[in-house]
Amino acid sequence: MQTRQEAIDYCLTLGNTYEDYPFRDPNWTVMRHRANRKVFAWIFERNGLMWINVKCGQGFLELWRQMFPSVIPAYHLNKEHWNSIILDGTVPEEEIHEMIGQSYALTQKK
């Protein structure tokens, strides 16, 4: 996964989700739950690469940062709960899917 469209397409497979462009800057795409409108993925381009911000569960935040140099404290979000995944080809796609899935689950209506 390296493009905005690939990230959007994957997020839409999670069900009951939609893409949104809430800012005046078209660079920012957010993926939301239909039921509660909460954002589970922030997709944007920075420094020539696509990035995805995802919410992380207890114990996973630091684990993924240690496992992958391209997973860092979230750009523009709370760094205690969110990571940025830089889509530079170094993070395996199944790991990206796992991180997005966890963010999706953490932001669902309880």
PDB file of N, CA and C in Angstrom:
ATOM      1  N   MET A   1       0.860  -1.173   0.000  1.00  0.00           N
ATOM      2  CA  MET A   1       0.000   0.000   0.000  1.00  0.00           C
ATOM      3  C   MET A   1       0.902   1.230   0.000  1.00  0.00           C
ATOM      4  N   GLN A   2       0.730   2.054  -1.049  1.00  0.00           N
ATOM      5  CA  GLN A   2       1.544   3.255  -1.108  1.00  0.00           C
ATOM      6  C   GLN A   2       0.780   4.481  -1.605  1.00  0.00           C
ATOM      7  N   THR A   3      -0.456   4.304  -2.060  1.00  0.00           N
ATOM      8  CA  THR A   3      -1.194   5.456  -2.588  1.00  0.00           C
ATOM      9  C   THR A   3      -2.393   5.801  -1.694  1.00  0.00           C
ATOM     10  N   ARG A   4      -2.858   7.016  -1.861  1.00  0.00           N
ATOM     11  CA  ARG A   4      -4.048   7.471  -1.135  1.00  0.00           C
ATOM     12  C   ARG A   4      -5.231   6.560  -1.470  1.00  0.00           C
ATOM     13  N   GLN A   5      -5.411   6.255  -2.770  1.00  0.00           N
ATOM     14  CA  GLN A   5      -6.564   5.458  -3.170  1.00  0.00           C
ATOM     15  C   GLN A   5      -6.514   4.049  -2.600  1.00  0.00           C
ATOM     16  N   GLU A   6      -5.333   3.453  -2.535  1.00  0.00           N
ATOM     17  CA  GLU A   6      -5.205   2.125  -1.924  1.00  0.00           C
ATOM     18  C   GLU A   6      -5.598   2.171  -0.450  1.00  0.00           C
ATOM     19  N   ALA A   7      -5.191   3.220   0.253  1.00  0.00           N
ATOM     20  CA  ALA A   7      -5.544   3.363   1.670  1.00  0.00           C
ATOM     21  C   ALA A   7      -7.051   3.558   1.830  1.00  0.00           C
ATOM     22  N   ILE A   8      -7.628   4.418   1.015  1.00  0.00           N
ATOM     23  CA  ILE A   8      -9.077   4.658   1.072  1.00  0.00           C
ATOM     24  C   ILE A   8      -9.827   3.359   0.776  1.00  0.00           C
ATOM     25  N   ASP A   9      -9.440   2.684  -0.294  1.00  0.00           N
ATOM     26  CA  ASP A   9     -10.124   1.448  -0.687  1.00  0.00           C
ATOM     27  C   ASP A   9     -10.083   0.412   0.430  1.00  0.00           C
ATOM     28  N   TYR A  10      -8.921   0.269   1.085  1.00  0.00           N
ATOM     29  CA  TYR A  10      -8.852  -0.695   2.181  1.00  0.00           C
ATOM     30  C   TYR A  10      -9.777  -0.282   3.332  1.00  0.00           C
ATOM     31  N   CYS A  11      -9.736   0.980   3.705  1.00  0.00           N
ATOM     32  CA  CYS A  11     -10.580   1.449   4.813  1.00  0.00           C
ATOM     33  C   CYS A  11     -12.057   1.218   4.526  1.00  0.00           C
ATOM     34  N   LEU A  12     -12.459   1.368   3.272  1.00  0.00           N
ATOM     35  CA  LEU A  12     -13.866   1.161   2.911  1.00  0.00           C
ATOM     36  C   LEU A  12     -14.285  -0.305   3.019  1.00  0.00           C
ATOM     37  N   THR A  13     -13.335  -1.237   2.996  1.00  0.00           N
ATOM     38  CA  THR A  13     -13.679  -2.653   3.132  1.00  0.00           C
ATOM     39  C   THR A  13     -14.059  -3.013   4.563  1.00  0.00           C
ATOM     40  N   LEU A  14     -13.757  -2.145   5.511  1.00  0.00           N
ATOM     41  CA  LEU A  14     -14.023  -2.455   6.914  1.00  0.00           C
ATOM     42  C   LEU A  14     -15.506  -2.364   7.270  1.00  0.00           C
ATOM     43  N   GLY A  15     -16.287  -1.771   6.421  1.00  0.00           N
ATOM     44  CA  GLY A  15     -17.735  -1.767   6.603  1.00  0.00           C
ATOM     45  C   GLY A  15     -18.271  -0.577   7.353  1.00  0.00           C
ATOM     46  N   ASN A  16     -19.377  -0.045   6.819  1.00  0.00           N
ATOM     47  CA  ASN A  16     -20.077   1.070   7.451  1.00  0.00           C
ATOM     48  C   ASN A  16     -19.161   2.275   7.661  1.00  0.00           C
ATOM     49  N   THR A  17     -18.339   2.554   6.631  1.00  0.00           N
ATOM     50  CA  THR A  17     -17.388   3.657   6.686  1.00  0.00           C
ATOM     51  C   THR A  17     -17.559   4.548   5.467  1.00  0.00           C
ATOM     52  N   TYR A  18     -16.985   5.727   5.525  1.00  0.00           N
ATOM     53  CA  TYR A  18     -16.980   6.613   4.367  1.00  0.00           C
ATOM     54  C   TYR A  18     -15.777   7.538   4.429  1.00  0.00           C
ATOM     55  N   GLU A  19     -15.410   8.065   3.253  1.00  0.00           N
ATOM     56  CA  GLU A  19     -14.314   9.025   3.194  1.00  0.00           C
ATOM     57  C   GLU A  19     -14.879  10.433   3.276  1.00  0.00           C
ATOM     58  N   ASP A  20     -14.112  11.321   3.866  1.00  0.00           N
ATOM     59  CA  ASP A  20     -14.556  12.690   4.078  1.00  0.00           C
ATOM     60  C   ASP A  20     -13.375  13.633   3.837  1.00  0.00           C
ATOM     61  N   TYR A  21     -13.694  14.850   3.443  1.00  0.00           N
ATOM     62  CA  TYR A  21     -12.696  15.898   3.208  1.00  0.00           C
ATOM     63  C   TYR A  21     -13.132  17.136   3.985  1.00  0.00           C
ATOM     64  N   PRO A  22     -12.935  17.147   5.306  1.00  0.00           N
ATOM     65  CA  PRO A  22     -13.512  18.204   6.150  1.00  0.00           C
ATOM     66  C   PRO A  22     -12.737  19.523   6.171  1.00  0.00           C
ATOM     67  N   PHE A  23     -11.566  19.552   5.602  1.00  0.00           N
ATOM     68  CA  PHE A  23     -10.746  20.759   5.672  1.00  0.00           C
ATOM     69  C   PHE A  23     -10.713  21.453   4.314  1.00  0.00           C
ATOM     70  N   ARG A  24     -10.298  22.677   4.302  1.00  0.00           N
ATOM     71  CA  ARG A  24     -10.161  23.398   3.038  1.00  0.00           C
ATOM     72  C   ARG A  24      -8.962  22.892   2.236  1.00  0.00           C
ATOM     73  N   ASP A  25      -8.142  22.085   2.853  1.00  0.00           N
ATOM     74  CA  ASP A  25      -6.955  21.521   2.213  1.00  0.00           C
ATOM     75  C   ASP A  25      -7.298  20.138   1.654  1.00  0.00           C
ATOM     76  N   PRO A  26      -7.335  19.971   0.337  1.00  0.00           N
ATOM     77  CA  PRO A  26      -7.709  18.670  -0.249  1.00  0.00           C
ATOM     78  C   PRO A  26      -6.668  17.576  -0.020  1.00  0.00           C
ATOM     79  N   ASN A  27      -5.534  17.933   0.566  1.00  0.00           N
ATOM     80  CA  ASN A  27      -4.513  16.942   0.880  1.00  0.00           C
ATOM     81  C   ASN A  27      -4.971  15.986   1.976  1.00  0.00           C
ATOM     82  N   TRP A  28      -5.917  16.402   2.798  1.00  0.00           N
ATOM     83  CA  TRP A  28      -6.348  15.599   3.945  1.00  0.00           C
ATOM     84  C   TRP A  28      -7.636  14.841   3.645  1.00  0.00           C
ATOM     85  N   THR A  29      -7.547  13.513   3.711  1.00  0.00           N
ATOM     86  CA  THR A  29      -8.715  12.638   3.622  1.00  0.00           C
ATOM     87  C   THR A  29      -8.869  11.987   4.991  1.00  0.00           C
ATOM     88  N   VAL A  30     -10.076  11.980   5.517  1.00  0.00           N
ATOM     89  CA  VAL A  30     -10.318  11.257   6.764  1.00  0.00           C
ATOM     90  C   VAL A  30     -11.317  10.143   6.485  1.00  0.00           C
ATOM     91  N   MET A  31     -11.118   9.028   7.152  1.00  0.00           N
ATOM     92  CA  MET A  31     -12.020   7.890   7.032  1.00  0.00           C
ATOM     93  C   MET A  31     -12.817   7.810   8.327  1.00  0.00           C
ATOM     94  N   ARG A  32     -14.130   7.754   8.193  1.00  0.00           N
ATOM     95  CA  ARG A  32     -15.026   7.825   9.347  1.00  0.00           C
ATOM     96  C   ARG A  32     -15.969   6.630   9.409  1.00  0.00           C
ATOM     97  N   HIS A  33     -16.444   6.385  10.630  1.00  0.00           N
ATOM     98  CA  HIS A  33     -17.543   5.445  10.856  1.00  0.00           C
ATOM     99  C   HIS A  33     -18.849   6.164  10.516  1.00  0.00           C
ATOM    100  N   ARG A  34     -19.755   5.483   9.846  1.00  0.00           N
ATOM    101  CA  ARG A  34     -21.066   6.085   9.560  1.00  0.00           C
ATOM    102  C   ARG A  34     -21.881   6.288  10.845  1.00  0.00           C
ATOM    103  N   ALA A  35     -21.787   5.350  11.761  1.00  0.00           N
ATOM    104  CA  ALA A  35     -22.638   5.378  12.958  1.00  0.00           C
ATOM    105  C   ALA A  35     -22.317   6.537  13.895  1.00  0.00           C
ATOM    106  N   ASN A  36     -21.037   6.829  14.096  1.00  0.00           N
ATOM    107  CA  ASN A  36     -20.693   7.866  15.078  1.00  0.00           C
ATOM    108  C   ASN A  36     -19.848   9.001  14.495  1.00  0.00           C
ATOM    109  N   ARG A  37     -19.531   8.920  13.214  1.00  0.00           N
ATOM    110  CA  ARG A  37     -18.743   9.922  12.491  1.00  0.00           C
ATOM    111  C   ARG A  37     -17.309  10.087  13.010  1.00  0.00           C
ATOM    112  N   LYS A  38     -16.871   9.197  13.906  1.00  0.00           N
ATOM    113  CA  LYS A  38     -15.504   9.283  14.426  1.00  0.00           C
ATOM    114  C   LYS A  38     -14.496   8.890  13.347  1.00  0.00           C
ATOM    115  N   VAL A  39     -13.380   9.580  13.350  1.00  0.00           N
ATOM    116  CA  VAL A  39     -12.310   9.315  12.393  1.00  0.00           C
ATOM    117  C   VAL A  39     -11.444   8.155  12.901  1.00  0.00           C
ATOM    118  N   PHE A  40     -11.156   7.205  12.013  1.00  0.00           N
ATOM    119  CA  PHE A  40     -10.247   6.124  12.385  1.00  0.00           C
ATOM    120  C   PHE A  40      -8.972   6.142  11.550  1.00  0.00           C
ATOM    121  N   ALA A  41      -8.941   6.916  10.474  1.00  0.00           N
ATOM    122  CA  ALA A  41      -7.718   7.041   9.674  1.00  0.00           C
ATOM    123  C   ALA A  41      -7.652   8.431   9.047  1.00  0.00           C
ATOM    124  N   TRP A  42      -6.509   9.056   9.181  1.00  0.00           N
ATOM    125  CA  TRP A  42      -6.217  10.359   8.569  1.00  0.00           C
ATOM    126  C   TRP A  42      -5.197  10.086   7.472  1.00  0.00           C
ATOM    127  N   ILE A  43      -5.525  10.362   6.224  1.00  0.00           N
ATOM    128  CA  ILE A  43      -4.648  10.051   5.101  1.00  0.00           C
ATOM    129  C   ILE A  43      -4.203  11.366   4.470  1.00  0.00           C
ATOM    130  N   PHE A  44      -2.888  11.526   4.307  1.00  0.00           N
ATOM    131  CA  PHE A  44      -2.364  12.791   3.773  1.00  0.00           C
ATOM    132  C   PHE A  44      -0.986  12.573   3.168  1.00  0.00           C
ATOM    133  N   GLU A  45      -0.584  13.505   2.307  1.00  0.00           N
ATOM    134  CA  GLU A  45       0.752  13.459   1.730  1.00  0.00           C
ATOM    135  C   GLU A  45       1.650  14.426   2.478  1.00  0.00           C
ATOM    136  N   ARG A  46       2.863  13.980   2.747  1.00  0.00           N
ATOM    137  CA  ARG A  46       3.850  14.803   3.439  1.00  0.00           C
ATOM    138  C   ARG A  46       5.230  14.373   2.961  1.00  0.00           C
ATOM    139  N   ASN A  47       6.039  15.328   2.622  1.00  0.00           N
ATOM    140  CA  ASN A  47       7.414  15.055   2.164  1.00  0.00           C
ATOM    141  C   ASN A  47       7.456  14.056   1.002  1.00  0.00           C
ATOM    142  N   GLY A  48       6.485  14.154   0.099  1.00  0.00           N
ATOM    143  CA  GLY A  48       6.468  13.312  -1.089  1.00  0.00           C
ATOM    144  C   GLY A  48       5.967  11.899  -0.899  1.00  0.00           C
ATOM    145  N   LEU A  49       5.512  11.559   0.314  1.00  0.00           N
ATOM    146  CA  LEU A  49       4.984  10.214   0.597  1.00  0.00           C
ATOM    147  C   LEU A  49       3.605  10.314   1.224  1.00  0.00           C
ATOM    148  N   MET A  50       2.816   9.246   1.071  1.00  0.00           N
ATOM    149  CA  MET A  50       1.523   9.184   1.741  1.00  0.00           C
ATOM    150  C   MET A  50       1.730   8.723   3.174  1.00  0.00           C
ATOM    151  N   TRP A  51       0.953   9.288   4.078  1.00  0.00           N
ATOM    152  CA  TRP A  51       0.986   8.940   5.501  1.00  0.00           C
ATOM    153  C   TRP A  51      -0.425   8.582   5.917  1.00  0.00           C
ATOM    154  N   ILE A  52      -0.548   7.727   6.931  1.00  0.00           N
ATOM    155  CA  ILE A  52      -1.842   7.418   7.549  1.00  0.00           C
ATOM    156  C   ILE A  52      -1.665   7.513   9.058  1.00  0.00           C
ATOM    157  N   ASN A  53      -2.506   8.325   9.694  1.00  0.00           N
ATOM    158  CA  ASN A  53      -2.535   8.370  11.158  1.00  0.00           C
ATOM    159  C   ASN A  53      -3.599   7.391  11.641  1.00  0.00           C
ATOM    160  N   VAL A  54      -3.212   6.559  12.614  1.00  0.00           N
ATOM    161  CA  VAL A  54      -4.122   5.556  13.171  1.00  0.00           C
ATOM    162  C   VAL A  54      -4.049   5.564  14.691  1.00  0.00           C
ATOM    163  N   LYS A  55      -5.185   5.288  15.319  1.00  0.00           N
ATOM    164  CA  LYS A  55      -5.234   5.164  16.770  1.00  0.00           C
ATOM    165  C   LYS A  55      -4.700   3.784  17.154  1.00  0.00           C
ATOM    166  N   CYS A  56      -3.979   3.724  18.273  1.00  0.00           N
ATOM    167  CA  CYS A  56      -3.351   2.467  18.686  1.00  0.00           C
ATOM    168  C   CYS A  56      -3.807   2.061  20.079  1.00  0.00           C
ATOM    169  N   GLY A  57      -3.920   0.768  20.273  1.00  0.00           N
ATOM    170  CA  GLY A  57      -4.306   0.228  21.565  1.00  0.00           C
ATOM    171  C   GLY A  57      -3.146   0.186  22.539  1.00  0.00           C
ATOM    172  N   GLN A  58      -3.499   0.013  23.787  1.00  0.00           N
ATOM    173  CA  GLN A  58      -2.523  -0.094  24.868  1.00  0.00           C
ATOM    174  C   GLN A  58      -1.479  -1.153  24.528  1.00  0.00           C
ATOM    175  N   GLY A  59      -0.221  -0.804  24.618  1.00  0.00           N
ATOM    176  CA  GLY A  59       0.857  -1.742  24.362  1.00  0.00           C
ATOM    177  C   GLY A  59       1.306  -1.817  22.915  1.00  0.00           C
ATOM    178  N   PHE A  60       0.492  -1.378  21.986  1.00  0.00           N
ATOM    179  CA  PHE A  60       0.853  -1.453  20.577  1.00  0.00           C
ATOM    180  C   PHE A  60       1.530  -0.187  20.066  1.00  0.00           C
ATOM    181  N   LEU A  61       1.268   0.936  20.673  1.00  0.00           N
ATOM    182  CA  LEU A  61       1.807   2.219  20.229  1.00  0.00           C
ATOM    183  C   LEU A  61       3.328   2.147  20.094  1.00  0.00           C
ATOM    184  N   GLU A  62       3.984   1.817  21.170  1.00  0.00           N
ATOM    185  CA  GLU A  62       5.448   1.744  21.183  1.00  0.00           C
ATOM    186  C   GLU A  62       5.963   0.521  20.434  1.00  0.00           C
ATOM    187  N   LEU A  63       5.232  -0.581  20.481  1.00  0.00           N
ATOM    188  CA  LEU A  63       5.658  -1.796  19.795  1.00  0.00           C
ATOM    189  C   LEU A  63       5.851  -1.533  18.305  1.00  0.00           C
ATOM    190  N   TRP A  64       4.833  -0.936  17.666  1.00  0.00           N
ATOM    191  CA  TRP A  64       4.931  -0.675  16.236  1.00  0.00           C
ATOM    192  C   TRP A  64       6.006   0.372  15.932  1.00  0.00           C
ATOM    193  N   ARG A  65       6.178   1.336  16.814  1.00  0.00           N
ATOM    194  CA  ARG A  65       7.245   2.326  16.611  1.00  0.00           C
ATOM    195  C   ARG A  65       8.612   1.668  16.662  1.00  0.00           C
ATOM    196  N   GLN A  66       8.771   0.672  17.531  1.00  0.00           N
ATOM    197  CA  GLN A  66      10.050  -0.031  17.645  1.00  0.00           C
ATOM    198  C   GLN A  66      10.270  -1.006  16.484  1.00  0.00           C
ATOM    199  N   MET A  67       9.198  -1.597  16.001  1.00  0.00           N
ATOM    200  CA  MET A  67       9.307  -2.584  14.926  1.00  0.00           C
ATOM    201  C   MET A  67       9.625  -1.959  13.572  1.00  0.00           C
ATOM    202  N   PHE A  68       9.071  -0.772  13.318  1.00  0.00           N
ATOM    203  CA  PHE A  68       9.177  -0.166  11.995  1.00  0.00           C
ATOM    204  C   PHE A  68       9.620   1.295  12.101  1.00  0.00           C
ATOM    205  N   PRO A  69      10.753   1.648  11.523  1.00  0.00           N
ATOM    206  CA  PRO A  69      11.201   3.047  11.538  1.00  0.00           C
ATOM    207  C   PRO A  69      10.197   4.004  10.875  1.00  0.00           C
ATOM    208  N   SER A  70       9.346   3.484   9.995  1.00  0.00           N
ATOM    209  CA  SER A  70       8.355   4.327   9.306  1.00  0.00           C
ATOM    210  C   SER A  70       7.037   4.439  10.068  1.00  0.00           C
ATOM    211  N   VAL A  71       7.007   3.963  11.301  1.00  0.00           N
ATOM    212  CA  VAL A  71       5.860   4.189  12.191  1.00  0.00           C
ATOM    213  C   VAL A  71       6.379   5.086  13.310  1.00  0.00           C
ATOM    214  N   ILE A  72       5.813   6.285  13.366  1.00  0.00           N
ATOM    215  CA  ILE A  72       6.323   7.314  14.270  1.00  0.00           C
ATOM    216  C   ILE A  72       5.167   7.955  15.035  1.00  0.00           C
ATOM    217  N   PRO A  73       5.468   8.744  16.082  1.00  0.00           N
ATOM    218  CA  PRO A  73       4.395   9.471  16.770  1.00  0.00           C
ATOM    219  C   PRO A  73       3.597  10.310  15.759  1.00  0.00           C
ATOM    220  N   ALA A  74       2.303  10.319  15.916  1.00  0.00           N
ATOM    221  CA  ALA A  74       1.399  10.909  14.929  1.00  0.00           C
ATOM    222  C   ALA A  74       1.677  12.375  14.637  1.00  0.00           C
ATOM    223  N   TYR A  75       1.636  12.685  13.365  1.00  0.00           N
ATOM    224  CA  TYR A  75       1.739  14.058  12.897  1.00  0.00           C
ATOM    225  C   TYR A  75       0.389  14.741  13.134  1.00  0.00           C
ATOM    226  N   HIS A  76       0.381  15.810  13.870  1.00  0.00           N
ATOM    227  CA  HIS A  76      -0.794  16.652  14.148  1.00  0.00           C
ATOM    228  C   HIS A  76      -1.857  16.017  15.054  1.00  0.00           C
ATOM    229  N   LEU A  77      -1.554  14.908  15.715  1.00  0.00           N
ATOM    230  CA  LEU A  77      -2.528  14.291  16.625  1.00  0.00           C
ATOM    231  C   LEU A  77      -1.842  13.949  17.940  1.00  0.00           C
ATOM    232  N   ASN A  78      -2.635  13.520  18.911  1.00  0.00           N
ATOM    233  CA  ASN A  78      -2.133  13.151  20.222  1.00  0.00           C
ATOM    234  C   ASN A  78      -1.171  11.968  20.095  1.00  0.00           C
ATOM    235  N   LYS A  79       0.064  12.201  20.414  1.00  0.00           N
ATOM    236  CA  LYS A  79       1.113  11.206  20.237  1.00  0.00           C
ATOM    237  C   LYS A  79       1.056  10.078  21.267  1.00  0.00           C
ATOM    238  N   GLU A  80       0.196  10.207  22.262  1.00  0.00           N
ATOM    239  CA  GLU A  80       0.032   9.151  23.265  1.00  0.00           C
ATOM    240  C   GLU A  80      -0.997   8.110  22.841  1.00  0.00           C
ATOM    241  N   HIS A  81      -1.746   8.398  21.770  1.00  0.00           N
ATOM    242  CA  HIS A  81      -2.791   7.477  21.320  1.00  0.00           C
ATOM    243  C   HIS A  81      -2.739   7.185  19.823  1.00  0.00           C
ATOM    244  N   TRP A  82      -1.991   7.981  19.056  1.00  0.00           N
ATOM    245  CA  TRP A  82      -1.993   7.870  17.603  1.00  0.00           C
ATOM    246  C   TRP A  82      -0.574   7.742  17.065  1.00  0.00           C
ATOM    247  N   ASN A  83      -0.430   6.929  16.013  1.00  0.00           N
ATOM    248  CA  ASN A  83       0.815   6.792  15.263  1.00  0.00           C
ATOM    249  C   ASN A  83       0.597   7.233  13.828  1.00  0.00           C
ATOM    250  N   SER A  84       1.665   7.662  13.179  1.00  0.00           N
ATOM    251  CA  SER A  84       1.682   7.880  11.736  1.00  0.00           C
ATOM    252  C   SER A  84       2.413   6.715  11.092  1.00  0.00           C
ATOM    253  N   ILE A  85       1.822   6.191  10.028  1.00  0.00           N
ATOM    254  CA  ILE A  85       2.476   5.173   9.209  1.00  0.00           C
ATOM    255  C   ILE A  85       2.897   5.883   7.924  1.00  0.00           C
ATOM    256  N   ILE A  86       4.184   5.892   7.644  1.00  0.00           N
ATOM    257  CA  ILE A  86       4.687   6.485   6.411  1.00  0.00           C
ATOM    258  C   ILE A  86       4.715   5.366   5.368  1.00  0.00           C
ATOM    259  N   LEU A  87       3.972   5.554   4.292  1.00  0.00           N
ATOM    260  CA  LEU A  87       3.828   4.508   3.281  1.00  0.00           C
ATOM    261  C   LEU A  87       4.994   4.562   2.299  1.00  0.00           C
ATOM    262  N   ASP A  88       6.161   4.140   2.782  1.00  0.00           N
ATOM    263  CA  ASP A  88       7.378   4.164   1.971  1.00  0.00           C
ATOM    264  C   ASP A  88       7.775   2.772   1.489  1.00  0.00           C
ATOM    265  N   GLY A  89       6.922   1.782   1.718  1.00  0.00           N
ATOM    266  CA  GLY A  89       7.194   0.426   1.269  1.00  0.00           C
ATOM    267  C   GLY A  89       7.917  -0.444   2.280  1.00  0.00           C
ATOM    268  N   THR A  90       8.265   0.121   3.449  1.00  0.00           N
ATOM    269  CA  THR A  90       9.026  -0.665   4.426  1.00  0.00           C
ATOM    270  C   THR A  90       8.150  -1.375   5.452  1.00  0.00           C
ATOM    271  N   VAL A  91       6.895  -0.975   5.567  1.00  0.00           N
ATOM    272  CA  VAL A  91       5.979  -1.633   6.506  1.00  0.00           C
ATOM    273  C   VAL A  91       5.133  -2.624   5.699  1.00  0.00           C
ATOM    274  N   PRO A  92       5.159  -3.912   6.044  1.00  0.00           N
ATOM    275  CA  PRO A  92       4.370  -4.895   5.298  1.00  0.00           C
ATOM    276  C   PRO A  92       2.875  -4.537   5.287  1.00  0.00           C
ATOM    277  N   GLU A  93       2.255  -4.811   4.152  1.00  0.00           N
ATOM    278  CA  GLU A  93       0.855  -4.453   3.973  1.00  0.00           C
ATOM    279  C   GLU A  93      -0.040  -5.088   5.045  1.00  0.00           C
ATOM    280  N   GLU A  94       0.240  -6.325   5.435  1.00  0.00           N
ATOM    281  CA  GLU A  94      -0.600  -6.966   6.458  1.00  0.00           C
ATOM    282  C   GLU A  94      -0.485  -6.237   7.802  1.00  0.00           C
ATOM    283  N   GLU A  95       0.679  -5.661   8.080  1.00  0.00           N
ATOM    284  CA  GLU A  95       0.843  -4.869   9.318  1.00  0.00           C
ATOM    285  C   GLU A  95       0.084  -3.555   9.227  1.00  0.00           C
ATOM    286  N   ILE A  96       0.099  -2.933   8.059  1.00  0.00           N
ATOM    287  CA  ILE A  96      -0.682  -1.702   7.855  1.00  0.00           C
ATOM    288  C   ILE A  96      -2.163  -2.010   8.050  1.00  0.00           C
ATOM    289  N   HIS A  97      -2.621  -3.105   7.469  1.00  0.00           N
ATOM    290  CA  HIS A  97      -4.024  -3.517   7.626  1.00  0.00           C
ATOM    291  C   HIS A  97      -4.359  -3.742   9.099  1.00  0.00           C
ATOM    292  N   GLU A  98      -3.455  -4.373   9.831  1.00  0.00           N
ATOM    293  CA  GLU A  98      -3.670  -4.628  11.257  1.00  0.00           C
ATOM    294  C   GLU A  98      -3.788  -3.309  12.031  1.00  0.00           C
ATOM    295  N   MET A  99      -2.922  -2.349  11.731  1.00  0.00           N
ATOM    296  CA  MET A  99      -2.962  -1.053  12.431  1.00  0.00           C
ATOM    297  C   MET A  99      -4.239  -0.295  12.105  1.00  0.00           C
ATOM    298  N   ILE A 100      -4.637  -0.286  10.839  1.00  0.00           N
ATOM    299  CA  ILE A 100      -5.884   0.386  10.465  1.00  0.00           C
ATOM    300  C   ILE A 100      -7.065  -0.318  11.124  1.00  0.00           C
ATOM    301  N   GLY A 101      -7.070  -1.643  11.126  1.00  0.00           N
ATOM    302  CA  GLY A 101      -8.152  -2.410  11.751  1.00  0.00           C
ATOM    303  C   GLY A 101      -8.266  -2.137  13.236  1.00  0.00           C
ATOM    304  N   GLN A 102      -7.132  -2.015  13.900  1.00  0.00           N
ATOM    305  CA  GLN A 102      -7.169  -1.712  15.328  1.00  0.00           C
ATOM    306  C   GLN A 102      -7.730  -0.311  15.564  1.00  0.00           C
ATOM    307  N   SER A 103      -7.325   0.648  14.743  1.00  0.00           N
ATOM    308  CA  SER A 103      -7.848   2.008  14.872  1.00  0.00           C
ATOM    309  C   SER A 103      -9.360   2.026  14.633  1.00  0.00           C
ATOM    310  N   TYR A 104      -9.801   1.262  13.638  1.00  0.00           N
ATOM    311  CA  TYR A 104     -11.225   1.137  13.331  1.00  0.00           C
ATOM    312  C   TYR A 104     -11.987   0.600  14.556  1.00  0.00           C
ATOM    313  N   ALA A 105     -11.461  -0.447  15.165  1.00  0.00           N
ATOM    314  CA  ALA A 105     -12.118  -1.049  16.332  1.00  0.00           C
ATOM    315  C   ALA A 105     -12.124  -0.102  17.537  1.00  0.00           C
ATOM    316  N   LEU A 106     -11.029   0.596  17.742  1.00  0.00           N
ATOM    317  CA  LEU A 106     -10.936   1.497  18.899  1.00  0.00           C
ATOM    318  C   LEU A 106     -11.853   2.706  18.801  1.00  0.00           C
ATOM    319  N   THR A 107     -12.210   3.105  17.599  1.00  0.00           N
ATOM    320  CA  THR A 107     -13.035   4.300  17.422  1.00  0.00           C
ATOM    321  C   THR A 107     -14.498   3.979  17.147  1.00  0.00           C
ATOM    322  N   GLN A 108     -14.855   2.701  17.097  1.00  0.00           N
ATOM    323  CA  GLN A 108     -16.249   2.314  16.881  1.00  0.00           C
ATOM    324  C   GLN A 108     -17.109   2.702  18.081  1.00  0.00           C
ATOM    325  N   LYS A 109     -18.381   2.890  17.804  1.00  0.00           N
ATOM    326  CA  LYS A 109     -19.331   3.158  18.886  1.00  0.00           C
ATOM    327  C   LYS A 109     -19.362   1.967  19.819  1.00  0.00           C
ATOM    328  N   LYS A 110     -19.309   2.245  21.099  1.00  0.00           N
ATOM    329  CA  LYS A 110     -19.314   1.175  22.110  1.00  0.00           C
ATOM    330  C   LYS A 110     -20.733   0.776  22.455  1.00  0.00           C
TER     331      LYS A 110
END
